[in-house]
N, C-alpha and C. Protein backbone atom coordinates (compact mmCIF):
# COMPACT_ATOMS: atom_id res chain seq x y z
N MET A 1 0.86 -1.17 0.00
CA MET A 1 0.00 0.00 0.00
C MET A 1 0.91 1.23 0.00
N THR A 2 0.62 2.14 -0.87
CA THR A 2 1.43 3.35 -0.96
C THR A 2 0.91 4.38 0.04
N ASP A 3 1.70 5.41 0.20
CA ASP A 3 1.31 6.48 1.11
C ASP A 3 0.04 7.18 0.64
N ALA A 4 -0.12 7.38 -0.65
CA ALA A 4 -1.31 8.04 -1.20
C ALA A 4 -2.56 7.22 -0.92
N GLN A 5 -2.46 5.90 -1.05
CA GLN A 5 -3.61 5.05 -0.77
C GLN A 5 -3.99 5.11 0.72
N LEU A 6 -3.00 5.15 1.57
CA LEU A 6 -3.26 5.25 3.00
C LEU A 6 -3.94 6.58 3.34
N TYR A 7 -3.42 7.65 2.75
CA TYR A 7 -4.02 8.97 3.00
C TYR A 7 -5.46 9.03 2.52
N LEU A 8 -5.74 8.41 1.37
CA LEU A 8 -7.12 8.38 0.86
C LEU A 8 -8.00 7.50 1.73
N ALA A 9 -7.47 6.37 2.20
CA ALA A 9 -8.26 5.46 3.03
C ALA A 9 -8.62 6.09 4.37
N ILE A 10 -7.76 6.95 4.88
CA ILE A 10 -8.03 7.63 6.15
C ILE A 10 -8.74 8.96 5.91
N GLY A 11 -8.33 9.67 4.88
CA GLY A 11 -8.83 11.03 4.65
C GLY A 11 -10.26 11.10 4.18
N LEU A 12 -10.67 10.19 3.30
CA LEU A 12 -12.04 10.25 2.77
C LEU A 12 -13.10 10.02 3.85
N PRO A 13 -12.97 9.02 4.71
CA PRO A 13 -13.99 8.90 5.77
C PRO A 13 -13.99 10.08 6.74
N VAL A 14 -12.82 10.59 7.06
CA VAL A 14 -12.74 11.76 7.94
C VAL A 14 -13.41 12.96 7.27
N PHE A 15 -13.18 13.14 6.00
CA PHE A 15 -13.81 14.23 5.25
C PHE A 15 -15.33 14.07 5.24
N ALA A 16 -15.81 12.83 5.06
CA ALA A 16 -17.26 12.58 5.05
C ALA A 16 -17.87 12.89 6.41
N VAL A 17 -17.19 12.53 7.49
CA VAL A 17 -17.71 12.81 8.84
C VAL A 17 -17.74 14.31 9.11
N VAL A 18 -16.69 15.01 8.70
CA VAL A 18 -16.64 16.46 8.91
C VAL A 18 -17.75 17.14 8.11
N MET A 19 -17.98 16.70 6.88
CA MET A 19 -19.05 17.30 6.07
C MET A 19 -20.43 17.01 6.68
N ASN A 20 -20.60 15.83 7.26
CA ASN A 20 -21.86 15.49 7.92
C ASN A 20 -22.09 16.38 9.14
N ILE A 21 -21.06 16.60 9.91
CA ILE A 21 -21.17 17.49 11.08
C ILE A 21 -21.50 18.90 10.63
N LEU A 22 -20.85 19.37 9.57
CA LEU A 22 -21.11 20.72 9.06
C LEU A 22 -22.56 20.84 8.58
N ALA A 23 -23.06 19.81 7.90
CA ALA A 23 -24.45 19.85 7.43
C ALA A 23 -25.42 19.89 8.61
N GLY A 24 -25.12 19.16 9.68
CA GLY A 24 -25.96 19.18 10.88
C GLY A 24 -25.98 20.55 11.54
N VAL A 25 -24.82 21.19 11.59
CA VAL A 25 -24.74 22.53 12.19
C VAL A 25 -25.54 23.53 11.36
N LEU A 26 -25.43 23.45 10.05
CA LEU A 26 -26.18 24.36 9.19
C LEU A 26 -27.69 24.13 9.32
N GLN A 27 -28.09 22.88 9.43
CA GLN A 27 -29.51 22.59 9.59
C GLN A 27 -30.02 23.10 10.93
N THR A 28 -29.22 22.95 11.98
CA THR A 28 -29.61 23.45 13.30
C THR A 28 -29.75 24.97 13.29
N ASN A 29 -28.82 25.65 12.62
CA ASN A 29 -28.91 27.11 12.54
C ASN A 29 -30.15 27.55 11.76
N SER A 30 -30.47 26.81 10.71
CA SER A 30 -31.66 27.14 9.92
C SER A 30 -32.93 26.97 10.75
N LEU A 31 -33.01 25.86 11.49
CA LEU A 31 -34.17 25.65 12.35
C LEU A 31 -34.27 26.70 13.44
N ASN A 32 -33.14 27.10 13.99
CA ASN A 32 -33.14 28.13 15.02
C ASN A 32 -33.68 29.45 14.46
N GLY A 33 -33.30 29.78 13.25
CA GLY A 33 -33.83 30.99 12.62
C GLY A 33 -35.32 30.92 12.39
N ARG A 34 -35.79 29.75 11.98
CA ARG A 34 -37.23 29.60 11.76
C ARG A 34 -38.01 29.71 13.07
N PHE A 35 -37.48 29.13 14.14
CA PHE A 35 -38.17 29.24 15.43
C PHE A 35 -38.16 30.67 15.95
N THR A 36 -37.07 31.39 15.72
CA THR A 36 -37.00 32.79 16.13
C THR A 36 -38.04 33.61 15.39
N SER A 37 -38.17 33.37 14.10
CA SER A 37 -39.17 34.08 13.30
C SER A 37 -40.58 33.75 13.77
N LEU A 38 -40.82 32.48 14.04
CA LEU A 38 -42.14 32.07 14.53
C LEU A 38 -42.44 32.68 15.89
N GLU A 39 -41.42 32.75 16.74
CA GLU A 39 -41.61 33.33 18.07
C GLU A 39 -41.97 34.81 17.97
N SER A 40 -41.30 35.55 17.11
CA SER A 40 -41.62 36.98 16.99
C SER A 40 -43.01 37.18 16.39
N ASN A 41 -43.39 36.31 15.46
CA ASN A 41 -44.73 36.39 14.88
C ASN A 41 -45.79 36.13 15.94
N MET A 42 -45.58 35.11 16.75
CA MET A 42 -46.55 34.80 17.81
C MET A 42 -46.60 35.90 18.86
N ASN A 43 -45.46 36.50 19.20
CA ASN A 43 -45.46 37.61 20.16
C ASN A 43 -46.27 38.79 19.63
N ALA A 44 -46.15 39.06 18.33
CA ALA A 44 -46.92 40.16 17.75
C ALA A 44 -48.41 39.85 17.80
N ARG A 45 -48.78 38.62 17.52
CA ARG A 45 -50.19 38.26 17.56
C ARG A 45 -50.76 38.35 18.96
N PHE A 46 -50.00 37.87 19.95
CA PHE A 46 -50.49 37.93 21.33
C PHE A 46 -50.56 39.38 21.82
N ALA A 47 -49.66 40.23 21.36
CA ALA A 47 -49.73 41.64 21.73
C ALA A 47 -51.00 42.27 21.16
N SER A 48 -51.36 41.89 19.94
CA SER A 48 -52.58 42.40 19.33
C SER A 48 -53.82 41.93 20.11
N ILE A 49 -53.83 40.67 20.48
CA ILE A 49 -54.96 40.14 21.26
C ILE A 49 -55.02 40.81 22.62
N ASP A 50 -53.87 41.05 23.23
CA ASP A 50 -53.83 41.72 24.53
C ASP A 50 -54.40 43.14 24.43
N SER A 51 -54.09 43.84 23.36
CA SER A 51 -54.64 45.20 23.21
C SER A 51 -56.16 45.15 22.99
N ARG A 52 -56.63 44.13 22.28
CA ARG A 52 -58.08 44.00 22.10
C ARG A 52 -58.78 43.74 23.43
N PHE A 53 -58.21 42.87 24.24
CA PHE A 53 -58.80 42.60 25.55
C PHE A 53 -58.73 43.83 26.45
N ALA A 54 -57.69 44.63 26.31
CA ALA A 54 -57.62 45.86 27.09
C ALA A 54 -58.76 46.80 26.71
N GLY A 55 -59.09 46.87 25.41
CA GLY A 55 -60.21 47.70 24.96
C GLY A 55 -61.53 47.19 25.50
N ILE A 56 -61.71 45.88 25.48
CA ILE A 56 -62.94 45.29 26.01
C ILE A 56 -63.03 45.52 27.51
N ASP A 57 -61.91 45.40 28.20
CA ASP A 57 -61.88 45.64 29.64
C ASP A 57 -62.25 47.08 29.96
N ALA A 58 -61.80 48.01 29.14
CA ALA A 58 -62.14 49.43 29.36
C ALA A 58 -63.64 49.64 29.17
N ARG A 59 -64.22 48.95 28.19
CA ARG A 59 -65.67 49.08 27.97
C ARG A 59 -66.45 48.54 29.18
N PHE A 60 -66.02 47.40 29.70
CA PHE A 60 -66.71 46.85 30.87
C PHE A 60 -66.52 47.74 32.09
N ASP A 61 -65.38 48.38 32.21
CA ASP A 61 -65.18 49.30 33.33
C ASP A 61 -66.14 50.48 33.23
N SER A 62 -66.36 51.00 32.01
CA SER A 62 -67.29 52.12 31.87
C SER A 62 -68.73 51.66 32.17
N LEU A 63 -69.08 50.45 31.73
CA LEU A 63 -70.42 49.93 32.07
C LEU A 63 -70.57 49.72 33.56
N ASP A 64 -69.51 49.22 34.18
CA ASP A 64 -69.55 49.00 35.62
C ASP A 64 -69.77 50.32 36.37
N SER A 65 -69.10 51.36 35.92
CA SER A 65 -69.29 52.66 36.59
C SER A 65 -70.69 53.20 36.37
N ARG A 66 -71.26 52.95 35.21
CA ARG A 66 -72.64 53.38 34.96
C ARG A 66 -73.62 52.65 35.88
N PHE A 67 -73.44 51.34 36.02
CA PHE A 67 -74.32 50.58 36.90
C PHE A 67 -74.17 51.02 38.35
N GLU A 68 -72.96 51.35 38.75
CA GLU A 68 -72.75 51.81 40.12
C GLU A 68 -73.47 53.13 40.37
N THR A 69 -73.45 54.03 39.39
CA THR A 69 -74.16 55.30 39.57
C THR A 69 -75.68 55.08 39.58
N LEU A 70 -76.14 54.14 38.75
CA LEU A 70 -77.57 53.84 38.78
C LEU A 70 -77.99 53.22 40.11
N LEU A 71 -77.19 52.31 40.64
CA LEU A 71 -77.51 51.68 41.91
C LEU A 71 -77.40 52.68 43.05
N ALA A 72 -76.51 53.64 42.93
CA ALA A 72 -76.37 54.64 43.99
C ALA A 72 -77.59 55.56 44.05
N LYS A 73 -78.21 55.77 42.89
CA LYS A 73 -79.41 56.63 42.86
C LYS A 73 -80.63 55.92 43.41
N LEU A 74 -80.61 54.59 43.41
CA LEU A 74 -81.78 53.85 43.91
C LEU A 74 -81.77 53.77 45.37
């Protein structure tokens, strides 16, 4: 066996393993980016829902004050 054959026999599997690890890291980074995007989208949606509930809560507070004034007059 020549030196070149030995280097190929050792180098090719090592190269394949390193490329596999690199592909896994790239895939993990891609998934992390997608989850970050999804998280920001969900935060925006929940903020919108929270503002809607705040508006509804303000309406109920005004109705509550009206009923209190009506009950106070009785």
